[in-house]
Amino acid sequence: MPVDTSHDYDPRYRRLVDQHVHRLLDSDDIPHLRVHSDPDSQAHTVDVASKICLQVPLV
């Protein structure tokens, strides 16, 4: 996701956090997608999430 430019940004720290979160989700077998800051990656993720939501019955 795009970074809020009003905050300090350290790309190395962000990369470490992303890698750590990915490993945690992967080790617990939690389905997930990595979303990059480019528009194609974000659009793909929204499309996948929408399709998944449409498969789940409404409560």
Protein backbone atom coordinates (compact mmCIF):
# COMPACT_ATOMS: atom_id res chain seq x y z
CA MET A 1 0.00 0.00 0.00
CA PRO A 2 1.18 3.54 -0.57
CA VAL A 3 3.15 5.07 2.26
CA ASP A 4 1.75 8.08 4.12
CA THR A 5 4.38 10.69 3.31
CA SER A 6 3.57 12.74 6.41
CA HIS A 7 5.41 10.11 8.48
CA ASP A 8 9.08 9.15 8.49
CA TYR A 9 9.67 6.20 6.19
CA ASP A 10 12.43 3.62 6.42
CA PRO A 11 12.19 1.16 3.52
CA ARG A 12 14.43 -1.37 5.28
CA TYR A 13 12.18 -1.45 8.34
CA ARG A 14 9.06 -1.67 6.18
CA ARG A 15 10.58 -4.61 4.25
CA LEU A 16 11.47 -6.42 7.50
CA VAL A 17 7.95 -5.94 8.87
CA ASP A 18 6.39 -7.16 5.61
CA GLN A 19 8.62 -10.25 5.58
CA HIS A 20 7.87 -11.00 9.23
CA VAL A 21 4.10 -10.66 8.80
CA HIS A 22 4.22 -12.85 5.67
CA ARG A 23 6.12 -15.56 7.55
CA LEU A 24 3.64 -15.45 10.46
CA LEU A 25 0.63 -15.73 8.15
CA ASP A 26 2.32 -18.48 6.16
CA SER A 27 3.30 -20.50 9.25
CA ASP A 28 -0.30 -20.41 10.49
CA ASP A 29 -1.65 -21.39 7.03
CA ILE A 30 -3.64 -18.16 6.80
CA PRO A 31 -4.45 -17.38 3.16
CA HIS A 32 -3.06 -14.01 2.13
CA LEU A 33 -1.68 -12.03 -0.78
CA ARG A 34 1.24 -9.67 -0.86
CA VAL A 35 0.08 -6.29 -2.11
CA HIS A 36 2.64 -4.04 -3.72
CA SER A 37 2.30 -0.31 -4.16
CA ASP A 38 1.77 -0.50 -7.92
CA PRO A 39 -1.82 -0.06 -9.15
CA ASP A 40 -1.92 -3.44 -10.93
CA SER A 41 -1.05 -5.31 -7.74
CA GLN A 42 -3.66 -3.37 -5.77
CA ALA A 43 -6.35 -3.90 -8.41
CA HIS A 44 -5.58 -7.63 -8.54
CA THR A 45 -5.86 -7.91 -4.76
CA VAL A 46 -9.19 -6.07 -4.68
CA ASP A 47 -10.47 -8.36 -7.44
CA VAL A 48 -9.40 -11.51 -5.57
CA ALA A 49 -10.88 -10.24 -2.28
CA SER A 50 -14.18 -9.39 -4.00
CA LYS A 51 -14.42 -12.85 -5.53
CA ILE A 52 -13.72 -14.48 -2.16
CA CYS A 53 -16.36 -12.32 -0.44
CA LEU A 54 -18.96 -13.29 -3.03
CA GLN A 55 -18.37 -16.99 -2.26
CA VAL A 56 -19.09 -16.59 1.46
CA PRO A 57 -22.76 -16.75 2.49
CA LEU A 58 -24.17 -13.59 4.06
CA VAL A 59 -24.86 -13.77 7.77
